[in-house]
N, C-alpha and C. Protein backbone atom coordinates (compact mmCIF):
# COMPACT_ATOMS: atom_id res chain seq x y z
N MET A 1 -1.12 -107.42 161.47
CA MET A 1 -0.60 -106.72 160.67
C MET A 1 0.50 -105.84 161.32
N GLU A 2 1.62 -105.82 161.29
CA GLU A 2 2.61 -105.09 162.06
C GLU A 2 2.86 -103.59 160.72
N VAL A 3 2.66 -102.64 161.35
CA VAL A 3 2.51 -101.37 160.69
C VAL A 3 4.05 -100.76 160.98
N ARG A 4 4.82 -100.47 159.61
CA ARG A 4 5.95 -100.05 159.79
C ARG A 4 5.88 -98.53 159.13
N THR A 5 6.82 -98.09 159.62
CA THR A 5 7.48 -96.39 158.39
C THR A 5 8.61 -96.91 157.84
N MET A 6 9.10 -96.86 156.66
CA MET A 6 9.73 -96.79 155.86
C MET A 6 10.45 -95.77 155.19
N ALA A 7 12.12 -95.79 154.94
CA ALA A 7 12.04 -94.59 154.20
C ALA A 7 11.60 -94.71 153.15
N LYS A 8 11.33 -93.76 151.69
CA LYS A 8 10.91 -94.09 150.65
C LYS A 8 11.97 -94.91 149.67
N ASP A 9 13.51 -94.72 150.06
CA ASP A 9 14.07 -94.91 149.20
C ASP A 9 14.95 -96.40 149.81
N ASP A 10 13.83 -96.98 150.51
CA ASP A 10 13.77 -98.47 151.07
C ASP A 10 13.55 -99.58 149.81
N MET A 11 13.74 -99.63 148.83
CA MET A 11 13.07 -100.57 147.95
C MET A 11 13.20 -101.87 147.85
N PHE A 12 14.77 -101.93 147.97
CA PHE A 12 15.57 -103.25 148.62
C PHE A 12 14.60 -103.69 149.67
N LYS A 13 14.28 -103.01 151.08
CA LYS A 13 13.87 -103.62 151.84
C LYS A 13 12.40 -104.20 151.75
N ILE A 14 11.95 -103.35 150.79
CA ILE A 14 10.11 -103.64 150.46
C ILE A 14 10.01 -104.81 149.58
N ILE A 15 10.50 -104.81 148.53
CA ILE A 15 10.44 -106.23 148.19
C ILE A 15 10.94 -107.28 148.52
N TYR A 16 12.29 -107.49 149.51
CA TYR A 16 12.38 -108.46 150.56
C TYR A 16 11.62 -109.09 151.24
N CYS A 17 10.63 -108.20 152.30
CA CYS A 17 9.72 -108.15 153.02
C CYS A 17 8.68 -108.76 152.58
N ILE A 18 8.29 -108.09 151.32
CA ILE A 18 6.84 -108.46 149.90
C ILE A 18 7.22 -110.23 149.73
N LEU A 19 8.56 -110.85 149.65
CA LEU A 19 9.14 -111.81 148.59
C LEU A 19 9.06 -112.84 150.09
N LYS A 20 9.32 -112.40 151.17
CA LYS A 20 9.03 -113.63 152.15
C LYS A 20 7.91 -113.62 152.92
N GLU A 21 7.21 -112.70 152.64
CA GLU A 21 5.99 -112.95 153.09
C GLU A 21 5.10 -113.99 152.36
N LEU A 22 5.10 -113.68 150.57
CA LEU A 22 4.50 -114.83 149.67
C LEU A 22 5.32 -115.85 149.98
N TYR A 23 6.59 -116.24 150.26
CA TYR A 23 7.39 -117.58 150.05
C TYR A 23 6.74 -118.30 151.66
N GLU A 24 6.92 -117.38 152.84
CA GLU A 24 6.29 -117.88 153.76
C GLU A 24 4.60 -118.44 153.47
N CYS A 25 3.90 -117.79 153.20
CA CYS A 25 2.41 -117.95 152.84
C CYS A 25 2.31 -119.06 151.61
N MET A 26 3.64 -119.60 151.01
CA MET A 26 3.62 -120.32 149.88
C MET A 26 3.90 -121.66 150.65
N LYS A 27 4.95 -121.98 151.40
CA LYS A 27 5.12 -122.89 151.97
C LYS A 27 4.18 -123.64 152.95
N GLN A 28 3.35 -122.46 153.44
CA GLN A 28 2.27 -123.07 154.22
C GLN A 28 0.81 -123.61 153.49
N GLY A 29 0.61 -123.43 152.54
CA GLY A 29 -0.10 -123.48 151.61
C GLY A 29 -1.53 -122.94 151.29
N VAL A 30 -0.99 -121.05 151.81
CA VAL A 30 -2.53 -120.47 152.36
C VAL A 30 -2.12 -119.46 151.16
N ASN A 31 -2.59 -118.36 150.88
CA ASN A 31 -3.14 -117.25 150.47
C ASN A 31 -2.64 -116.22 151.20
N VAL A 32 -1.86 -115.24 151.03
CA VAL A 32 -1.56 -113.99 151.35
C VAL A 32 -2.55 -113.35 152.03
N ASN A 33 -2.04 -112.60 152.88
CA ASN A 33 -3.13 -111.65 153.46
C ASN A 33 -2.70 -110.07 152.69
N LYS A 34 -3.96 -109.58 152.20
CA LYS A 34 -3.06 -108.52 151.12
C LYS A 34 -2.72 -107.56 151.99
N GLU A 35 -3.11 -107.08 153.72
CA GLU A 35 -2.41 -106.69 154.02
C GLU A 35 -0.82 -106.81 154.83
N ASP A 36 -0.57 -107.91 154.71
CA ASP A 36 0.64 -107.97 155.03
C ASP A 36 2.00 -107.29 154.18
N ILE A 37 1.17 -107.39 152.60
CA ILE A 37 1.95 -106.81 151.89
C ILE A 37 1.79 -105.20 151.06
N SER A 38 0.42 -104.56 151.61
CA SER A 38 -0.17 -103.90 151.49
C SER A 38 0.91 -102.44 151.82
N TYR A 39 0.75 -101.50 150.75
CA TYR A 39 1.67 -100.11 151.03
C TYR A 39 1.35 -99.51 152.39
N GLU A 40 0.29 -99.54 152.96
CA GLU A 40 -0.03 -99.38 154.45
C GLU A 40 1.10 -99.74 155.33
N ARG A 41 1.19 -101.14 155.38
CA ARG A 41 2.10 -101.61 156.23
C ARG A 41 3.37 -100.92 155.98
N PHE A 42 4.04 -100.65 155.20
CA PHE A 42 5.50 -99.93 154.64
C PHE A 42 5.03 -98.76 155.03
N GLY A 43 4.07 -97.99 154.95
CA GLY A 43 4.06 -96.40 155.02
C GLY A 43 4.61 -95.55 153.74
N ILE A 44 4.12 -96.26 152.61
CA ILE A 44 4.75 -95.53 151.53
C ILE A 44 3.48 -95.11 150.35
N PRO A 45 3.96 -94.40 149.76
CA PRO A 45 2.69 -94.02 149.09
C PRO A 45 2.03 -95.06 148.31
N TYR A 46 0.75 -94.92 147.50
CA TYR A 46 0.30 -96.13 146.77
C TYR A 46 1.11 -96.25 145.61
N SER A 47 0.80 -95.51 145.00
CA SER A 47 1.52 -94.95 143.47
C SER A 47 3.36 -95.61 143.94
N TYR A 48 4.00 -95.47 144.80
CA TYR A 48 5.19 -96.04 144.90
C TYR A 48 5.24 -97.39 145.01
N TRP A 49 4.18 -98.36 145.94
CA TRP A 49 4.08 -99.61 146.11
C TRP A 49 3.92 -100.19 144.73
N LEU A 50 3.08 -99.65 143.93
CA LEU A 50 2.46 -100.02 143.05
C LEU A 50 3.75 -100.14 141.75
N ASP A 51 4.62 -99.23 141.91
CA ASP A 51 5.40 -99.40 140.71
C ASP A 51 7.10 -100.46 141.34
N ILE A 52 6.56 -100.58 142.56
CA ILE A 52 7.48 -101.78 143.27
C ILE A 52 6.79 -103.48 142.63
N ILE A 53 5.55 -103.39 143.15
CA ILE A 53 4.84 -104.75 142.40
C ILE A 53 4.92 -105.19 140.91
N ILE A 54 4.77 -103.88 139.81
CA ILE A 54 5.18 -103.79 138.89
C ILE A 54 6.62 -104.23 138.21
N GLN A 55 7.52 -103.98 138.90
CA GLN A 55 8.81 -103.78 138.65
C GLN A 55 9.21 -105.32 139.24
N MET A 56 8.62 -105.97 140.52
CA MET A 56 8.85 -107.35 140.73
C MET A 56 8.24 -108.31 139.93
N GLN A 57 7.40 -108.03 139.37
CA GLN A 57 6.71 -109.29 138.26
C GLN A 57 7.47 -109.03 136.95
N GLU A 58 7.84 -107.41 136.73
CA GLU A 58 8.40 -107.50 135.39
C GLU A 58 10.20 -108.28 135.52
N LYS A 59 10.62 -108.43 136.41
CA LYS A 59 11.87 -109.06 137.12
C LYS A 59 11.62 -110.73 137.55
N GLY A 60 10.09 -111.08 137.21
CA GLY A 60 10.11 -112.54 137.21
C GLY A 60 9.89 -112.89 138.78
N PHE A 61 10.04 -111.93 139.65
CA PHE A 61 10.36 -112.26 141.17
C PHE A 61 8.36 -112.76 141.61
N ILE A 62 7.75 -112.52 141.12
CA ILE A 62 5.91 -112.46 141.63
C ILE A 62 5.37 -112.69 140.22
N ASN A 63 4.18 -113.30 140.24
CA ASN A 63 3.69 -113.96 139.16
C ASN A 63 1.97 -113.28 140.01
N GLY A 64 0.68 -113.45 138.94
CA GLY A 64 -0.73 -113.12 139.42
C GLY A 64 -0.68 -111.65 139.73
N VAL A 65 -0.39 -110.83 139.23
CA VAL A 65 -0.43 -109.27 139.12
C VAL A 65 -0.86 -109.17 137.80
N ARG A 66 -2.18 -108.04 138.01
CA ARG A 66 -2.57 -107.63 136.67
C ARG A 66 -2.92 -106.05 136.80
N CYS A 67 -2.17 -105.26 136.09
CA CYS A 67 -2.48 -104.17 136.47
C CYS A 67 -3.11 -103.16 134.87
N ARG A 68 -4.10 -102.12 135.35
CA ARG A 68 -4.63 -101.92 134.02
C ARG A 68 -4.84 -100.34 134.25
N MET A 69 -4.72 -99.40 133.20
CA MET A 69 -4.43 -98.37 133.04
C MET A 69 -6.37 -97.64 132.90
N THR A 70 -6.66 -96.65 133.43
CA THR A 70 -8.00 -95.88 133.19
C THR A 70 -8.06 -94.50 133.15
N LYS A 71 -8.94 -94.26 132.43
CA LYS A 71 -8.99 -92.67 132.27
C LYS A 71 -8.74 -92.17 133.38
N GLY A 72 -9.57 -92.24 134.23
CA GLY A 72 -9.70 -91.16 135.02
C GLY A 72 -9.02 -91.13 136.21
N THR A 73 -8.83 -92.67 136.67
CA THR A 73 -7.69 -93.00 138.21
C THR A 73 -6.87 -93.36 137.95
N GLY A 74 -6.24 -93.52 136.59
CA GLY A 74 -4.95 -94.07 136.66
C GLY A 74 -4.58 -95.62 136.57
N ARG A 75 -3.98 -96.13 137.61
CA ARG A 75 -3.45 -97.50 137.48
C ARG A 75 -4.45 -98.19 138.21
N ILE A 76 -4.83 -99.36 138.10
CA ILE A 76 -5.31 -100.17 138.94
C ILE A 76 -4.93 -101.60 138.95
N VAL A 77 -4.56 -102.19 139.91
CA VAL A 77 -3.88 -103.23 140.17
C VAL A 77 -4.70 -104.18 141.04
N ASN A 78 -5.20 -105.77 140.25
CA ASN A 78 -5.57 -106.60 140.87
C ASN A 78 -4.10 -107.77 141.31
N TYR A 79 -4.31 -108.57 142.64
CA TYR A 79 -3.42 -108.87 142.99
C TYR A 79 -3.62 -110.20 143.60
N ASP A 80 -5.16 -110.83 143.60
CA ASP A 80 -5.76 -111.35 144.43
C ASP A 80 -5.01 -113.23 144.09
N GLU A 81 -4.39 -113.38 143.18
CA GLU A 81 -3.53 -114.61 143.04
C GLU A 81 -1.87 -114.14 142.74
N ILE A 82 -1.29 -113.41 143.83
CA ILE A 82 -0.13 -113.06 143.67
C ILE A 82 0.33 -114.02 144.12
N GLY A 83 1.75 -114.48 143.98
CA GLY A 83 2.36 -115.57 144.34
C GLY A 83 3.81 -115.24 144.21
N ILE A 84 4.82 -115.90 144.67
CA ILE A 84 6.47 -116.00 144.36
C ILE A 84 6.81 -116.92 143.21
N THR A 85 7.87 -116.76 142.47
CA THR A 85 8.02 -117.50 141.63
C THR A 85 9.61 -118.27 142.21
N PHE A 86 10.18 -119.28 141.32
CA PHE A 86 11.11 -119.33 141.61
C PHE A 86 12.24 -118.86 141.77
N ASP A 87 12.59 -117.71 140.67
CA ASP A 87 13.45 -116.70 140.97
C ASP A 87 13.36 -115.86 141.79
N GLY A 88 12.03 -115.31 142.32
CA GLY A 88 11.59 -114.55 143.87
C GLY A 88 12.23 -115.67 144.67
N VAL A 89 11.90 -116.58 144.69
CA VAL A 89 12.59 -117.42 145.87
C VAL A 89 14.48 -117.64 145.86
N GLU A 90 14.97 -117.24 144.56
CA GLU A 90 16.35 -117.24 144.68
C GLU A 90 16.70 -115.84 144.93
N TYR A 91 16.20 -114.76 144.94
CA TYR A 91 16.47 -113.71 145.03
C TYR A 91 16.71 -113.52 146.42
N LEU A 92 15.60 -114.07 147.78
CA LEU A 92 15.81 -114.01 148.86
C LEU A 92 16.60 -114.73 149.37
N GLU A 93 16.99 -116.11 148.54
CA GLU A 93 18.06 -117.41 149.26
C GLU A 93 19.70 -115.97 149.01
N GLU A 94 19.98 -115.52 147.98
CA GLU A 94 20.92 -114.66 147.78
C GLU A 94 21.19 -113.54 148.57
N ASN A 95 19.85 -113.13 148.92
CA ASN A 95 20.27 -111.55 150.03
C ASN A 95 20.32 -112.07 151.38
N SER A 96 19.64 -113.40 151.63
CA SER A 96 19.94 -114.13 153.08
C SER A 96 21.47 -114.05 153.44
N VAL A 97 21.84 -114.88 152.14
CA VAL A 97 24.00 -114.80 152.55
C VAL A 97 24.37 -113.89 152.22
N MET A 98 23.90 -113.35 151.22
CA MET A 98 24.64 -112.26 151.63
C MET A 98 24.40 -111.31 152.84
N LYS A 99 23.47 -111.18 153.35
CA LYS A 99 23.31 -110.75 154.76
C LYS A 99 24.25 -111.24 156.01
N LYS A 100 24.59 -112.48 156.00
CA LYS A 100 24.92 -113.57 156.82
C LYS A 100 26.60 -113.18 156.45
N VAL A 101 26.76 -112.83 155.24
CA VAL A 101 28.39 -112.71 155.32
C VAL A 101 28.54 -111.36 155.51
N ARG A 102 27.84 -110.10 155.42
CA ARG A 102 27.94 -109.40 155.71
C ARG A 102 28.26 -108.90 157.33
N GLU A 103 27.38 -109.74 157.86
CA GLU A 103 27.16 -109.47 159.49
C GLU A 103 28.51 -110.67 160.41
N THR A 104 28.92 -111.29 159.58
CA THR A 104 30.38 -112.41 159.83
C THR A 104 31.28 -111.40 159.94
N LEU A 105 31.43 -110.75 158.42
CA LEU A 105 32.80 -109.71 158.03
C LEU A 105 32.52 -108.46 159.23
N LYS A 106 31.47 -108.14 159.63
CA LYS A 106 31.41 -107.26 160.64
C LYS A 106 31.77 -107.27 161.83
N ASP A 107 31.48 -108.71 162.46
CA ASP A 107 31.91 -109.02 163.33
C ASP A 107 33.46 -109.34 163.77
N ILE A 108 33.79 -110.22 162.19
CA ILE A 108 35.73 -109.88 162.48
C ILE A 108 35.92 -108.91 162.51
N LYS A 109 35.66 -107.64 161.78
CA LYS A 109 35.56 -106.18 161.91
C LYS A 109 35.86 -106.07 163.30
N ASP A 110 34.74 -106.41 163.91
CA ASP A 110 35.00 -105.69 165.48
C ASP A 110 36.21 -106.51 166.47
N ILE A 111 36.29 -107.45 166.06
CA ILE A 111 36.97 -108.43 166.97
C ILE A 111 38.64 -107.95 166.63
N VAL A 112 39.02 -108.35 165.12
CA VAL A 112 40.43 -107.55 164.88
C VAL A 112 40.80 -106.89 164.81
N PRO A 113 41.45 -106.15 165.24
CA PRO A 113 41.96 -104.57 165.30
C PRO A 113 42.65 -104.44 163.63
N ARG A 114 42.15 -103.27 163.24
CA ARG A 114 43.00 -102.91 161.34
C ARG A 114 43.10 -103.38 160.41
N LEU A 115 41.49 -103.85 160.71
CA LEU A 115 41.11 -104.71 159.57
C LEU A 115 39.90 -104.09 158.79
């Protein structure tokens, strides 16, 4: 498990990392190691991570997440059966393409003056 410290406002990077890990696991036919997508890995508070996971499921990027409210402890999540959906794969692909376009434009701008 690689531990990273991310700024709390890097929601899109966290979403991308989680989806990428889930997609790799799906392609290999293995269950995701929960540590690889945990809040500790990203160096963010549990509540923020949980908000992201819930929103990812609501957007249709992932499935298999069950969250319930409790009286004393707040929200409890079970994500033993978490998986990526077709929409999640599509999100990954779109962001990969956009990243390549940005990198290409940056390279062109570095080469061509006054662009």
